[in-house]
């Protein structure tokens, strides 16, 4: 695509391709989408806590 920012249906994510936009994203945006162990417990999903403890320390590029 020609757009510097576009939604990728395969990745289910926004893709930023222009250098200046990438720099801005790294400085201003958050990728905090992984539930914390506390959030999982509140949702009744405490069995996933070990996985969440690993995931909150990772920066994944899919």
C-alpha atoms as a PDB file:
ATOM      1  CA  UNK A   1       0.000   0.000   0.000  1.00  0.00           C
ATOM      2  CA  UNK A   2       1.032   3.616  -0.492  1.00  0.00           C
ATOM      3  CA  UNK A   3      -0.271   4.844   2.871  1.00  0.00           C
ATOM      4  CA  UNK A   4       2.360   5.614   5.538  1.00  0.00           C
ATOM      5  CA  UNK A   5      -0.083   4.275   8.165  1.00  0.00           C
ATOM      6  CA  UNK A   6      -2.537   1.516   7.356  1.00  0.00           C
ATOM      7  CA  UNK A   7      -4.481  -1.317   8.961  1.00  0.00           C
ATOM      8  CA  UNK A   8      -3.103  -4.742   8.044  1.00  0.00           C
ATOM      9  CA  UNK A   9      -5.897  -7.330   8.033  1.00  0.00           C
ATOM     10  CA  UNK A  10      -3.459 -10.252   8.200  1.00  0.00           C
ATOM     11  CA  UNK A  11      -1.589  -8.912  11.253  1.00  0.00           C
ATOM     12  CA  UNK A  12      -4.687  -7.337  12.803  1.00  0.00           C
ATOM     13  CA  UNK A  13      -2.560  -4.289  13.567  1.00  0.00           C
ATOM     14  CA  UNK A  14      -1.701  -0.816  12.379  1.00  0.00           C
ATOM     15  CA  UNK A  15       1.475  -0.684  10.288  1.00  0.00           C
ATOM     16  CA  UNK A  16       3.580   2.492  10.195  1.00  0.00           C
ATOM     17  CA  UNK A  17       6.102   2.744   7.355  1.00  0.00           C
ATOM     18  CA  UNK A  18       7.376   6.322   7.177  1.00  0.00           C
ATOM     19  CA  UNK A  19      10.509   6.902   9.303  1.00  0.00           C
ATOM     20  CA  UNK A  20       9.278  10.106  10.967  1.00  0.00           C
ATOM     21  CA  UNK A  21       6.001   8.407  11.903  1.00  0.00           C
ATOM     22  CA  UNK A  22       7.832   5.376  13.310  1.00  0.00           C
ATOM     23  CA  UNK A  23       9.951   7.661  15.510  1.00  0.00           C
ATOM     24  CA  UNK A  24       6.800   9.409  16.752  1.00  0.00           C
ATOM     25  CA  UNK A  25       5.107   6.098  17.512  1.00  0.00           C
ATOM     26  CA  UNK A  26       8.103   4.876  19.519  1.00  0.00           C
ATOM     27  CA  UNK A  27       8.135   8.115  21.518  1.00  0.00           C
ATOM     28  CA  UNK A  28       4.418   8.626  22.145  1.00  0.00           C
ATOM     29  CA  UNK A  29       2.470   5.392  21.785  1.00  0.00           C
ATOM     30  CA  UNK A  30       2.006   2.447  24.099  1.00  0.00           C
ATOM     31  CA  UNK A  31       1.615  -1.205  23.208  1.00  0.00           C
ATOM     32  CA  UNK A  32       0.380  -2.175  26.649  1.00  0.00           C
ATOM     33  CA  UNK A  33      -2.222  -4.680  25.496  1.00  0.00           C
ATOM     34  CA  UNK A  34      -1.198  -7.740  27.498  1.00  0.00           C
ATOM     35  CA  UNK A  35      -3.328  -8.177  30.621  1.00  0.00           C
ATOM     36  CA  UNK A  36      -1.422  -7.992  33.886  1.00  0.00           C
ATOM     37  CA  UNK A  37      -1.619 -10.869  36.374  1.00  0.00           C
ATOM     38  CA  UNK A  38      -3.907  -8.684  38.504  1.00  0.00           C
ATOM     39  CA  UNK A  39      -6.272  -8.103  35.591  1.00  0.00           C
ATOM     40  CA  UNK A  40      -6.390 -11.830  34.834  1.00  0.00           C
ATOM     41  CA  UNK A  41      -7.242 -12.624  38.450  1.00  0.00           C
ATOM     42  CA  UNK A  42     -10.009 -10.008  38.411  1.00  0.00           C
ATOM     43  CA  UNK A  43     -11.401 -11.653  35.262  1.00  0.00           C
ATOM     44  CA  UNK A  44     -11.287 -15.110  36.842  1.00  0.00           C
ATOM     45  CA  UNK A  45      -8.439 -16.209  34.569  1.00  0.00           C
ATOM     46  CA  UNK A  46      -5.712 -16.608  37.182  1.00  0.00           C
ATOM     47  CA  UNK A  47      -4.562 -19.870  35.548  1.00  0.00           C
ATOM     48  CA  UNK A  48      -3.010 -17.677  32.818  1.00  0.00           C
ATOM     49  CA  UNK A  49      -0.919 -15.672  35.309  1.00  0.00           C
ATOM     50  CA  UNK A  50       2.381 -17.509  34.566  1.00  0.00           C
ATOM     51  CA  UNK A  51       1.987 -16.707  30.868  1.00  0.00           C
ATOM     52  CA  UNK A  52       1.097 -13.079  31.595  1.00  0.00           C
ATOM     53  CA  UNK A  53       4.184 -12.692  33.786  1.00  0.00           C
ATOM     54  CA  UNK A  54       6.353 -13.655  30.816  1.00  0.00           C
ATOM     55  CA  UNK A  55       4.395 -11.647  28.247  1.00  0.00           C
ATOM     56  CA  UNK A  56       4.500  -8.328  30.137  1.00  0.00           C
ATOM     57  CA  UNK A  57       8.309  -8.432  29.842  1.00  0.00           C
ATOM     58  CA  UNK A  58       8.332  -9.032  26.087  1.00  0.00           C
ATOM     59  CA  UNK A  59       8.182  -6.748  23.083  1.00  0.00           C
ATOM     60  CA  UNK A  60       6.821  -8.938  20.325  1.00  0.00           C
ATOM     61  CA  UNK A  61       7.086  -8.177  16.637  1.00  0.00           C
ATOM     62  CA  UNK A  62       4.587 -10.348  14.810  1.00  0.00           C
END
